[in-house]
């Protein structure tokens, strides 16, 4: 049976590196405070010529080159993001124009930090129904435009970047299974307001601004438990154990969440890909950036079982299993 297979990956990081020492000059914090609580040392911050769609397009071109696929052959472009530079048109439409994918239809999906997994799941279902499709899936964020730089609890966490992959149908390997969840009742623990309404009847005086707001302790508690539960669900459904997994690529939130998750799953650290120390939390871009780095570093071999898991605002969370 044919499945959706990842045939190429790519990523793009902004040029500017923002270190913890730099943040000490911007907000009341310290390198030791940030490192001990998050494990993050640096993050990338977008500059001129690095709008969300431009990062996404560069990651897309890298993935297409890796796959040996022309942009003209793409049928569908799906971008997971919660920080597009415009509300309309979609980031995906800008990417379509930027890379010259003239026959592809394109749209965005927003499931916060889980967006890339939700997008992959959707792409896999398109390919299941139309196996000849070639699909480009991108996770891209410019969260530096959506944080309060006076709030040390959030501005230290987030970074910018994009990751992409090309999917085709294949008889060998591919996406084997996925489980996705949402819980809208808990939205107020991690959210980002929209711009102020121009309709006075819809204006909410309680809104503080169009930037990320988070109840860190609550998010930590829910994130660890939710990712553990959904991974266990998926492993049980596939009748395999965590020891059968060759590489776990989790959402790169912070090292304390990742450490607790590894402890509860009983997975060895050498089987987990971690790069949050370099890039911070890049939301929907974190898993595809990590996937591209893992691939280019030789951490993935043909036939490997790869497990993704993620958690984000909404709340949204999920896991996905694929054969590389």
C-alpha atoms as a PDB file:
ATOM      1  CA  UNK A   1       0.000   0.000   0.000  1.00  0.00           C
ATOM      2  CA  UNK A   2       1.335   3.418  -0.984  1.00  0.00           C
ATOM      3  CA  UNK A   3       1.933   6.000   1.715  1.00  0.00           C
ATOM      4  CA  UNK A   4       2.991   9.635   1.848  1.00  0.00           C
ATOM      5  CA  UNK A   5       6.787   9.647   2.019  1.00  0.00           C
ATOM      6  CA  UNK A   6       9.142  12.517   2.803  1.00  0.00           C
ATOM      7  CA  UNK A   7      11.554  12.672  -0.141  1.00  0.00           C
ATOM      8  CA  UNK A   8      13.398  15.901   0.667  1.00  0.00           C
ATOM      9  CA  UNK A   9      13.909  18.357   3.528  1.00  0.00           C
ATOM     10  CA  UNK A  10      15.160  21.911   3.887  1.00  0.00           C
ATOM     11  CA  UNK A  11      15.406  24.713   6.408  1.00  0.00           C
ATOM     12  CA  UNK A  12      16.275  28.385   6.682  1.00  0.00           C
ATOM     13  CA  UNK A  13      17.408  30.370   9.729  1.00  0.00           C
ATOM     14  CA  UNK A  14      17.765  34.156   9.887  1.00  0.00           C
ATOM     15  CA  UNK A  15      21.296  35.558   9.944  1.00  0.00           C
ATOM     16  CA  UNK A  16      21.032  37.420  13.255  1.00  0.00           C
ATOM     17  CA  UNK A  17      21.926  35.443  16.381  1.00  0.00           C
ATOM     18  CA  UNK A  18      20.470  36.773  19.646  1.00  0.00           C
ATOM     19  CA  UNK A  19      22.343  35.390  22.649  1.00  0.00           C
ATOM     20  CA  UNK A  20      21.349  35.313  26.287  1.00  0.00           C
ATOM     21  CA  UNK A  21      24.031  37.928  26.923  1.00  0.00           C
ATOM     22  CA  UNK A  22      22.311  40.182  24.393  1.00  0.00           C
ATOM     23  CA  UNK A  23      19.006  39.702  26.210  1.00  0.00           C
ATOM     24  CA  UNK A  24      20.615  40.805  29.474  1.00  0.00           C
ATOM     25  CA  UNK A  25      20.849  44.279  27.898  1.00  0.00           C
ATOM     26  CA  UNK A  26      17.199  44.273  26.845  1.00  0.00           C
ATOM     27  CA  UNK A  27      15.243  42.875  29.784  1.00  0.00           C
ATOM     28  CA  UNK A  28      15.814  41.978  33.435  1.00  0.00           C
ATOM     29  CA  UNK A  29      17.315  38.512  33.067  1.00  0.00           C
ATOM     30  CA  UNK A  30      20.639  36.690  32.951  1.00  0.00           C
ATOM     31  CA  UNK A  31      22.336  34.011  30.928  1.00  0.00           C
ATOM     32  CA  UNK A  32      22.310  31.716  33.971  1.00  0.00           C
ATOM     33  CA  UNK A  33      18.582  32.307  34.614  1.00  0.00           C
ATOM     34  CA  UNK A  34      17.630  31.558  30.992  1.00  0.00           C
ATOM     35  CA  UNK A  35      19.921  28.568  30.600  1.00  0.00           C
ATOM     36  CA  UNK A  36      18.884  26.899  33.853  1.00  0.00           C
ATOM     37  CA  UNK A  37      15.166  27.218  33.082  1.00  0.00           C
ATOM     38  CA  UNK A  38      15.073  26.657  29.326  1.00  0.00           C
ATOM     39  CA  UNK A  39      18.395  25.286  28.090  1.00  0.00           C
ATOM     40  CA  UNK A  40      18.353  27.970  25.392  1.00  0.00           C
ATOM     41  CA  UNK A  41      21.644  29.754  24.666  1.00  0.00           C
ATOM     42  CA  UNK A  42      20.848  31.531  21.386  1.00  0.00           C
ATOM     43  CA  UNK A  43      17.949  32.091  19.020  1.00  0.00           C
ATOM     44  CA  UNK A  44      17.676  33.526  15.487  1.00  0.00           C
ATOM     45  CA  UNK A  45      15.876  36.822  14.865  1.00  0.00           C
ATOM     46  CA  UNK A  46      14.635  37.867  11.417  1.00  0.00           C
ATOM     47  CA  UNK A  47      15.821  41.083   9.802  1.00  0.00           C
ATOM     48  CA  UNK A  48      15.288  42.934   6.526  1.00  0.00           C
ATOM     49  CA  UNK A  49      14.517  40.575   3.667  1.00  0.00           C
ATOM     50  CA  UNK A  50      13.582  37.819   6.110  1.00  0.00           C
ATOM     51  CA  UNK A  51       9.808  38.062   6.303  1.00  0.00           C
ATOM     52  CA  UNK A  52       8.020  34.814   7.167  1.00  0.00           C
ATOM     53  CA  UNK A  53       7.290  33.941   3.525  1.00  0.00           C
ATOM     54  CA  UNK A  54      10.892  34.665   2.532  1.00  0.00           C
ATOM     55  CA  UNK A  55      12.271  32.271   5.156  1.00  0.00           C
ATOM     56  CA  UNK A  56       9.623  29.735   4.117  1.00  0.00           C
ATOM     57  CA  UNK A  57      10.534  30.110   0.449  1.00  0.00           C
ATOM     58  CA  UNK A  58      14.237  29.548   1.089  1.00  0.00           C
ATOM     59  CA  UNK A  59      13.465  26.444   3.149  1.00  0.00           C
ATOM     60  CA  UNK A  60      11.147  25.291   0.347  1.00  0.00           C
ATOM     61  CA  UNK A  61      13.819  25.693  -2.331  1.00  0.00           C
ATOM     62  CA  UNK A  62      16.267  23.709  -0.182  1.00  0.00           C
ATOM     63  CA  UNK A  63      13.718  20.913   0.276  1.00  0.00           C
ATOM     64  CA  UNK A  64      12.918  20.830  -3.440  1.00  0.00           C
ATOM     65  CA  UNK A  65      16.600  20.592  -4.290  1.00  0.00           C
ATOM     66  CA  UNK A  66      17.020  17.788  -1.750  1.00  0.00           C
ATOM     67  CA  UNK A  67      14.063  15.933  -3.281  1.00  0.00           C
ATOM     68  CA  UNK A  68      15.075  16.532  -6.878  1.00  0.00           C
ATOM     69  CA  UNK A  69      11.616  17.994  -7.530  1.00  0.00           C
ATOM     70  CA  UNK A  70      10.845  21.119  -9.539  1.00  0.00           C
ATOM     71  CA  UNK A  71       8.561  23.786  -8.091  1.00  0.00           C
ATOM     72  CA  UNK A  72       6.617  23.562 -11.352  1.00  0.00           C
ATOM     73  CA  UNK A  73       5.708  19.959 -10.483  1.00  0.00           C
ATOM     74  CA  UNK A  74       4.113  20.796  -7.125  1.00  0.00           C
ATOM     75  CA  UNK A  75       0.365  20.330  -6.752  1.00  0.00           C
ATOM     76  CA  UNK A  76      -0.161  21.732  -3.257  1.00  0.00           C
ATOM     77  CA  UNK A  77       1.701  24.031  -0.854  1.00  0.00           C
ATOM     78  CA  UNK A  78       0.676  23.968   2.811  1.00  0.00           C
ATOM     79  CA  UNK A  79       2.272  26.344   5.320  1.00  0.00           C
ATOM     80  CA  UNK A  80       1.875  25.913   9.080  1.00  0.00           C
ATOM     81  CA  UNK A  81       2.313  29.257  10.803  1.00  0.00           C
ATOM     82  CA  UNK A  82       0.828  31.545  13.442  1.00  0.00           C
ATOM     83  CA  UNK A  83       2.960  34.563  12.500  1.00  0.00           C
ATOM     84  CA  UNK A  84       2.342  35.408   8.817  1.00  0.00           C
ATOM     85  CA  UNK A  85       3.444  38.877   7.786  1.00  0.00           C
ATOM     86  CA  UNK A  86      -0.075  39.461   6.402  1.00  0.00           C
ATOM     87  CA  UNK A  87      -3.440  38.015   7.399  1.00  0.00           C
ATOM     88  CA  UNK A  88      -4.434  37.877   3.724  1.00  0.00           C
ATOM     89  CA  UNK A  89      -3.128  36.578   1.348  1.00  0.00           C
ATOM     90  CA  UNK A  90      -1.791  33.477   3.079  1.00  0.00           C
ATOM     91  CA  UNK A  91       1.899  32.884   3.593  1.00  0.00           C
ATOM     92  CA  UNK A  92       1.529  29.840   1.339  1.00  0.00           C
ATOM     93  CA  UNK A  93       0.328  32.001  -1.558  1.00  0.00           C
ATOM     94  CA  UNK A  94       3.367  34.236  -1.194  1.00  0.00           C
ATOM     95  CA  UNK A  95       5.595  31.132  -1.196  1.00  0.00           C
ATOM     96  CA  UNK A  96       3.843  29.807  -4.290  1.00  0.00           C
ATOM     97  CA  UNK A  97       4.630  33.033  -6.151  1.00  0.00           C
ATOM     98  CA  UNK A  98       8.165  33.279  -4.741  1.00  0.00           C
ATOM     99  CA  UNK A  99       9.261  29.797  -5.871  1.00  0.00           C
ATOM    100  CA  UNK A 100       7.289  29.699  -9.130  1.00  0.00           C
ATOM    101  CA  UNK A 101       4.964  26.811  -8.292  1.00  0.00           C
ATOM    102  CA  UNK A 102       2.402  27.985 -10.833  1.00  0.00           C
ATOM    103  CA  UNK A 103       0.090  24.945 -10.838  1.00  0.00           C
ATOM    104  CA  UNK A 104      -0.026  24.430  -7.056  1.00  0.00           C
ATOM    105  CA  UNK A 105      -2.914  25.532  -4.861  1.00  0.00           C
ATOM    106  CA  UNK A 106      -1.833  26.924  -1.501  1.00  0.00           C
ATOM    107  CA  UNK A 107      -3.128  27.810   1.928  1.00  0.00           C
ATOM    108  CA  UNK A 108      -2.044  28.148   5.573  1.00  0.00           C
ATOM    109  CA  UNK A 109      -2.928  26.131   8.647  1.00  0.00           C
ATOM    110  CA  UNK A 110      -2.672  27.382  12.237  1.00  0.00           C
ATOM    111  CA  UNK A 111      -2.337  24.847  15.027  1.00  0.00           C
ATOM    112  CA  UNK A 112       0.375  26.850  16.828  1.00  0.00           C
ATOM    113  CA  UNK A 113       3.418  24.721  17.714  1.00  0.00           C
ATOM    114  CA  UNK A 114       1.648  21.556  16.527  1.00  0.00           C
ATOM    115  CA  UNK A 115       1.001  23.076  13.124  1.00  0.00           C
ATOM    116  CA  UNK A 116       3.625  21.123  11.186  1.00  0.00           C
ATOM    117  CA  UNK A 117       2.297  17.760  12.397  1.00  0.00           C
ATOM    118  CA  UNK A 118      -1.275  18.783  11.607  1.00  0.00           C
ATOM    119  CA  UNK A 119      -0.119  19.886   8.144  1.00  0.00           C
ATOM    120  CA  UNK A 120       1.777  16.636   7.512  1.00  0.00           C
ATOM    121  CA  UNK A 121      -1.278  14.636   8.513  1.00  0.00           C
ATOM    122  CA  UNK A 122      -3.448  16.605   6.091  1.00  0.00           C
ATOM    123  CA  UNK A 123      -0.903  16.235   3.279  1.00  0.00           C
ATOM    124  CA  UNK A 124      -0.727  12.477   3.870  1.00  0.00           C
ATOM    125  CA  UNK A 125      -4.510  12.252   3.478  1.00  0.00           C
ATOM    126  CA  UNK A 126      -4.404  14.181   0.193  1.00  0.00           C
ATOM    127  CA  UNK A 127      -1.788  11.753  -1.122  1.00  0.00           C
ATOM    128  CA  UNK A 128      -3.826   8.768   0.085  1.00  0.00           C
ATOM    129  CA  UNK A 129      -6.734   9.965  -2.055  1.00  0.00           C
ATOM    130  CA  UNK A 130      -4.637  11.229  -4.994  1.00  0.00           C
ATOM    131  CA  UNK A 131      -1.305   9.333  -5.063  1.00  0.00           C
ATOM    132  CA  UNK A 132       0.131  11.287  -7.990  1.00  0.00           C
ATOM    133  CA  UNK A 133       0.230  14.514  -5.963  1.00  0.00           C
ATOM    134  CA  UNK A 134       3.494  16.179  -4.994  1.00  0.00           C
ATOM    135  CA  UNK A 135       3.078  18.301  -1.870  1.00  0.00           C
ATOM    136  CA  UNK A 136       5.288  20.875  -0.167  1.00  0.00           C
ATOM    137  CA  UNK A 137       4.716  21.223   3.594  1.00  0.00           C
ATOM    138  CA  UNK A 138       6.378  24.095   5.464  1.00  0.00           C
ATOM    139  CA  UNK A 139       6.510  25.200   9.081  1.00  0.00           C
ATOM    140  CA  UNK A 140       7.603  28.836   9.276  1.00  0.00           C
ATOM    141  CA  UNK A 141       7.535  31.489  11.985  1.00  0.00           C
ATOM    142  CA  UNK A 142       8.743  35.002  12.727  1.00  0.00           C
ATOM    143  CA  UNK A 143       7.785  35.012  16.384  1.00  0.00           C
ATOM    144  CA  UNK A 144      10.118  37.925  17.102  1.00  0.00           C
ATOM    145  CA  UNK A 145       7.319  40.060  15.657  1.00  0.00           C
ATOM    146  CA  UNK A 146       4.806  38.531  18.075  1.00  0.00           C
ATOM    147  CA  UNK A 147       6.451  38.658  21.503  1.00  0.00           C
ATOM    148  CA  UNK A 148       6.461  41.364  24.151  1.00  0.00           C
ATOM    149  CA  UNK A 149      10.139  42.227  24.470  1.00  0.00           C
ATOM    150  CA  UNK A 150       9.529  43.565  27.993  1.00  0.00           C
ATOM    151  CA  UNK A 151       8.163  40.210  29.197  1.00  0.00           C
ATOM    152  CA  UNK A 152      11.128  38.112  30.246  1.00  0.00           C
ATOM    153  CA  UNK A 153       8.970  35.017  30.641  1.00  0.00           C
ATOM    154  CA  UNK A 154       8.228  34.831  26.924  1.00  0.00           C
ATOM    155  CA  UNK A 155      10.768  36.904  24.980  1.00  0.00           C
ATOM    156  CA  UNK A 156      13.629  34.622  26.044  1.00  0.00           C
ATOM    157  CA  UNK A 157      11.926  31.536  24.606  1.00  0.00           C
ATOM    158  CA  UNK A 158      11.080  32.209  21.001  1.00  0.00           C
ATOM    159  CA  UNK A 159      13.003  32.432  17.757  1.00  0.00           C
ATOM    160  CA  UNK A 160      12.457  32.656  14.011  1.00  0.00           C
ATOM    161  CA  UNK A 161      13.019  30.129  11.249  1.00  0.00           C
ATOM    162  CA  UNK A 162      11.486  27.797   8.692  1.00  0.00           C
ATOM    163  CA  UNK A 163      11.638  24.130   7.811  1.00  0.00           C
ATOM    164  CA  UNK A 164      10.125  22.303   4.841  1.00  0.00           C
ATOM    165  CA  UNK A 165       9.651  18.886   3.313  1.00  0.00           C
ATOM    166  CA  UNK A 166       8.431  17.448   0.022  1.00  0.00           C
ATOM    167  CA  UNK A 167       5.982  14.540   0.087  1.00  0.00           C
ATOM    168  CA  UNK A 168       5.221  11.981  -2.618  1.00  0.00           C
ATOM    169  CA  UNK A 169       3.519   8.606  -2.610  1.00  0.00           C
ATOM    170  CA  UNK A 170       5.805   5.626  -2.136  1.00  0.00           C
ATOM    171  CA  UNK A 171       5.662   1.855  -1.753  1.00  0.00           C
ATOM    172  CA  UNK A 172       8.614   2.035   0.666  1.00  0.00           C
ATOM    173  CA  UNK A 173       8.347   3.767   4.022  1.00  0.00           C
ATOM    174  CA  UNK A 174       6.321   6.885   4.569  1.00  0.00           C
ATOM    175  CA  UNK A 175       3.880   8.152   7.201  1.00  0.00           C
ATOM    176  CA  UNK A 176       2.494   5.152   9.052  1.00  0.00           C
ATOM    177  CA  UNK A 177       0.129   6.680  11.580  1.00  0.00           C
ATOM    178  CA  UNK A 178      -0.721   9.848  13.478  1.00  0.00           C
ATOM    179  CA  UNK A 179      -2.905  10.937  16.379  1.00  0.00           C
ATOM    180  CA  UNK A 180      -3.956  14.563  16.823  1.00  0.00           C
ATOM    181  CA  UNK A 181      -5.790  16.264  19.704  1.00  0.00           C
ATOM    182  CA  UNK A 182      -7.134  19.677  20.673  1.00  0.00           C
ATOM    183  CA  UNK A 183      -8.661  21.229  23.791  1.00  0.00           C
ATOM    184  CA  UNK A 184     -10.054  24.713  23.239  1.00  0.00           C
ATOM    185  CA  UNK A 185     -11.167  25.034  26.868  1.00  0.00           C
ATOM    186  CA  UNK A 186      -7.574  25.754  27.889  1.00  0.00           C
ATOM    187  CA  UNK A 187      -6.891  28.481  25.314  1.00  0.00           C
ATOM    188  CA  UNK A 188      -6.207  31.172  27.918  1.00  0.00           C
ATOM    189  CA  UNK A 189      -3.054  29.422  29.198  1.00  0.00           C
ATOM    190  CA  UNK A 190      -1.227  30.081  25.911  1.00  0.00           C
ATOM    191  CA  UNK A 191      -2.544  32.521  23.349  1.00  0.00           C
ATOM    192  CA  UNK A 192      -1.909  35.496  21.093  1.00  0.00           C
ATOM    193  CA  UNK A 193      -4.559  38.171  20.522  1.00  0.00           C
ATOM    194  CA  UNK A 194      -5.428  39.446  17.072  1.00  0.00           C
ATOM    195  CA  UNK A 195      -4.963  43.127  16.174  1.00  0.00           C
ATOM    196  CA  UNK A 196      -7.525  45.442  17.761  1.00  0.00           C
ATOM    197  CA  UNK A 197     -10.963  45.297  16.139  1.00  0.00           C
ATOM    198  CA  UNK A 198     -12.047  48.169  13.888  1.00  0.00           C
ATOM    199  CA  UNK A 199     -15.641  47.358  14.844  1.00  0.00           C
ATOM    200  CA  UNK A 200     -16.279  49.003  18.229  1.00  0.00           C
ATOM    201  CA  UNK A 201     -18.970  46.424  18.998  1.00  0.00           C
ATOM    202  CA  UNK A 202     -16.335  43.668  18.800  1.00  0.00           C
ATOM    203  CA  UNK A 203     -13.563  45.544  20.583  1.00  0.00           C
ATOM    204  CA  UNK A 204     -12.428  43.746  23.740  1.00  0.00           C
ATOM    205  CA  UNK A 205     -11.033  46.243  26.272  1.00  0.00           C
ATOM    206  CA  UNK A 206      -9.348  43.401  28.163  1.00  0.00           C
ATOM    207  CA  UNK A 207      -6.974  42.599  25.311  1.00  0.00           C
ATOM    208  CA  UNK A 208      -3.378  43.528  26.043  1.00  0.00           C
ATOM    209  CA  UNK A 209      -1.872  43.369  22.568  1.00  0.00           C
ATOM    210  CA  UNK A 210      -1.066  41.158  19.594  1.00  0.00           C
ATOM    211  CA  UNK A 211       1.706  39.141  21.223  1.00  0.00           C
ATOM    212  CA  UNK A 212       2.210  35.747  22.861  1.00  0.00           C
ATOM    213  CA  UNK A 213       0.940  35.399  26.422  1.00  0.00           C
ATOM    214  CA  UNK A 214       1.592  32.285  28.454  1.00  0.00           C
ATOM    215  CA  UNK A 215       1.075  30.745  31.856  1.00  0.00           C
ATOM    216  CA  UNK A 216       4.398  28.929  31.899  1.00  0.00           C
ATOM    217  CA  UNK A 217       3.908  26.510  34.789  1.00  0.00           C
ATOM    218  CA  UNK A 218       0.534  25.347  33.539  1.00  0.00           C
ATOM    219  CA  UNK A 219       1.796  24.911  29.992  1.00  0.00           C
ATOM    220  CA  UNK A 220       4.745  22.851  31.255  1.00  0.00           C
ATOM    221  CA  UNK A 221       2.430  20.523  33.166  1.00  0.00           C
ATOM    222  CA  UNK A 222      -0.016  20.016  30.310  1.00  0.00           C
ATOM    223  CA  UNK A 223       2.665  19.765  27.604  1.00  0.00           C
ATOM    224  CA  UNK A 224       4.600  16.924  29.234  1.00  0.00           C
ATOM    225  CA  UNK A 225       1.515  14.895  30.074  1.00  0.00           C
ATOM    226  CA  UNK A 226      -0.177  15.456  26.708  1.00  0.00           C
ATOM    227  CA  UNK A 227       2.876  14.502  24.632  1.00  0.00           C
ATOM    228  CA  UNK A 228       3.554  11.458  26.792  1.00  0.00           C
ATOM    229  CA  UNK A 229      -0.046  10.290  26.495  1.00  0.00           C
ATOM    230  CA  UNK A 230      -0.284  10.738  22.732  1.00  0.00           C
ATOM    231  CA  UNK A 231       3.045   8.986  22.118  1.00  0.00           C
ATOM    232  CA  UNK A 232       1.939   6.052  24.265  1.00  0.00           C
ATOM    233  CA  UNK A 233      -1.378   5.911  22.398  1.00  0.00           C
ATOM    234  CA  UNK A 234       0.394   5.761  19.065  1.00  0.00           C
ATOM    235  CA  UNK A 235       2.921   3.135  20.151  1.00  0.00           C
ATOM    236  CA  UNK A 236       0.147   0.946  21.548  1.00  0.00           C
ATOM    237  CA  UNK A 237      -1.911   1.309  18.394  1.00  0.00           C
ATOM    238  CA  UNK A 238       1.091   0.243  16.300  1.00  0.00           C
ATOM    239  CA  UNK A 239       1.952  -2.553  18.756  1.00  0.00           C
ATOM    240  CA  UNK A 240       5.529  -1.351  19.219  1.00  0.00           C
ATOM    241  CA  UNK A 241       7.563   0.027  22.134  1.00  0.00           C
ATOM    242  CA  UNK A 242       9.610   3.167  22.546  1.00  0.00           C
ATOM    243  CA  UNK A 243      12.698   0.958  22.170  1.00  0.00           C
ATOM    244  CA  UNK A 244      11.682   0.270  18.570  1.00  0.00           C
ATOM    245  CA  UNK A 245      12.002   3.953  17.696  1.00  0.00           C
ATOM    246  CA  UNK A 246      15.275   4.946  16.038  1.00  0.00           C
ATOM    247  CA  UNK A 247      14.855   8.708  16.476  1.00  0.00           C
ATOM    248  CA  UNK A 248      12.391  10.864  18.407  1.00  0.00           C
ATOM    249  CA  UNK A 249      12.026  14.419  17.103  1.00  0.00           C
ATOM    250  CA  UNK A 250       9.886  16.389  19.574  1.00  0.00           C
ATOM    251  CA  UNK A 251       8.735  19.984  19.406  1.00  0.00           C
ATOM    252  CA  UNK A 252      11.643  22.068  20.673  1.00  0.00           C
ATOM    253  CA  UNK A 253       9.943  23.968  23.503  1.00  0.00           C
ATOM    254  CA  UNK A 254      12.611  23.963  26.218  1.00  0.00           C
ATOM    255  CA  UNK A 255      15.003  21.403  27.683  1.00  0.00           C
ATOM    256  CA  UNK A 256      13.059  20.983  30.930  1.00  0.00           C
ATOM    257  CA  UNK A 257       9.964  19.848  29.035  1.00  0.00           C
ATOM    258  CA  UNK A 258      12.077  17.607  26.809  1.00  0.00           C
ATOM    259  CA  UNK A 259      13.953  16.165  29.776  1.00  0.00           C
ATOM    260  CA  UNK A 260      10.755  15.354  31.648  1.00  0.00           C
ATOM    261  CA  UNK A 261       9.236  13.838  28.504  1.00  0.00           C
ATOM    262  CA  UNK A 262      12.271  11.589  27.939  1.00  0.00           C
ATOM    263  CA  UNK A 263      12.169  10.511  31.587  1.00  0.00           C
ATOM    264  CA  UNK A 264       8.464   9.581  31.460  1.00  0.00           C
ATOM    265  CA  UNK A 265       8.769   7.779  28.135  1.00  0.00           C
ATOM    266  CA  UNK A 266      11.939   5.957  29.195  1.00  0.00           C
ATOM    267  CA  UNK A 267      13.774   6.906  26.001  1.00  0.00           C
ATOM    268  CA  UNK A 268      17.558   7.262  25.871  1.00  0.00           C
ATOM    269  CA  UNK A 269      18.839  10.783  25.183  1.00  0.00           C
ATOM    270  CA  UNK A 270      20.912   9.583  22.220  1.00  0.00           C
ATOM    271  CA  UNK A 271      17.649   8.636  20.496  1.00  0.00           C
ATOM    272  CA  UNK A 272      16.215  12.159  20.834  1.00  0.00           C
ATOM    273  CA  UNK A 273      17.127  15.037  18.515  1.00  0.00           C
ATOM    274  CA  UNK A 274      17.476  18.335  20.375  1.00  0.00           C
ATOM    275  CA  UNK A 275      18.476  21.725  18.956  1.00  0.00           C
ATOM    276  CA  UNK A 276      16.426  24.089  21.132  1.00  0.00           C
ATOM    277  CA  UNK A 277      19.683  25.303  22.684  1.00  0.00           C
ATOM    278  CA  UNK A 278      20.604  26.944  19.357  1.00  0.00           C
ATOM    279  CA  UNK A 279      17.282  28.192  18.044  1.00  0.00           C
ATOM    280  CA  UNK A 280      14.834  28.468  20.935  1.00  0.00           C
ATOM    281  CA  UNK A 281      11.177  27.662  20.401  1.00  0.00           C
ATOM    282  CA  UNK A 282      10.328  28.265  16.733  1.00  0.00           C
ATOM    283  CA  UNK A 283       6.759  26.943  17.087  1.00  0.00           C
ATOM    284  CA  UNK A 284       5.527  25.280  13.869  1.00  0.00           C
ATOM    285  CA  UNK A 285       9.048  25.486  12.419  1.00  0.00           C
ATOM    286  CA  UNK A 286      10.769  23.559  15.221  1.00  0.00           C
ATOM    287  CA  UNK A 287      10.051  19.983  14.091  1.00  0.00           C
ATOM    288  CA  UNK A 288      10.855  20.512  10.384  1.00  0.00           C
ATOM    289  CA  UNK A 289      14.060  22.414  11.205  1.00  0.00           C
ATOM    290  CA  UNK A 290      15.110  19.569  13.513  1.00  0.00           C
ATOM    291  CA  UNK A 291      14.128  16.984  10.875  1.00  0.00           C
ATOM    292  CA  UNK A 292      16.261  18.702   8.234  1.00  0.00           C
ATOM    293  CA  UNK A 293      19.242  18.962  10.588  1.00  0.00           C
ATOM    294  CA  UNK A 294      18.895  15.322  11.619  1.00  0.00           C
ATOM    295  CA  UNK A 295      18.792  14.254   7.987  1.00  0.00           C
ATOM    296  CA  UNK A 296      21.796  16.334   6.955  1.00  0.00           C
ATOM    297  CA  UNK A 297      23.801  15.186   9.980  1.00  0.00           C
ATOM    298  CA  UNK A 298      23.269  11.525   9.048  1.00  0.00           C
ATOM    299  CA  UNK A 299      21.062  10.781  12.051  1.00  0.00           C
ATOM    300  CA  UNK A 300      18.448   9.195   9.778  1.00  0.00           C
ATOM    301  CA  UNK A 301      19.002   6.027   7.777  1.00  0.00           C
ATOM    302  CA  UNK A 302      16.687   4.397   5.255  1.00  0.00           C
ATOM    303  CA  UNK A 303      14.200   2.190   7.088  1.00  0.00           C
ATOM    304  CA  UNK A 304      14.493   4.017  10.430  1.00  0.00           C
ATOM    305  CA  UNK A 305      11.369   4.448  12.535  1.00  0.00           C
ATOM    306  CA  UNK A 306      10.986   8.156  13.308  1.00  0.00           C
ATOM    307  CA  UNK A 307       8.555   9.533  15.878  1.00  0.00           C
ATOM    308  CA  UNK A 308       7.359  13.139  16.018  1.00  0.00           C
ATOM    309  CA  UNK A 309       5.443  14.727  18.889  1.00  0.00           C
ATOM    310  CA  UNK A 310       4.348  18.267  19.544  1.00  0.00           C
ATOM    311  CA  UNK A 311       2.282  20.522  21.793  1.00  0.00           C
ATOM    312  CA  UNK A 312       1.052  24.071  21.275  1.00  0.00           C
ATOM    313  CA  UNK A 313      -1.521  26.744  21.894  1.00  0.00           C
ATOM    314  CA  UNK A 314      -5.134  25.815  21.430  1.00  0.00           C
ATOM    315  CA  UNK A 315      -4.250  23.539  23.154  1.00  0.00           C
ATOM    316  CA  UNK A 316      -3.179  21.322  20.271  1.00  0.00           C
ATOM    317  CA  UNK A 317      -0.973  18.252  20.439  1.00  0.00           C
ATOM    318  CA  UNK A 318      -0.154  15.135  18.492  1.00  0.00           C
ATOM    319  CA  UNK A 319       2.290  12.422  17.491  1.00  0.00           C
ATOM    320  CA  UNK A 320       3.238  10.857  14.170  1.00  0.00           C
ATOM    321  CA  UNK A 321       5.157   7.742  13.195  1.00  0.00           C
ATOM    322  CA  UNK A 322       6.969   7.341   9.893  1.00  0.00           C
ATOM    323  CA  UNK A 323       9.362   4.959   8.220  1.00  0.00           C
ATOM    324  CA  UNK A 324      12.262   6.912   6.769  1.00  0.00           C
END
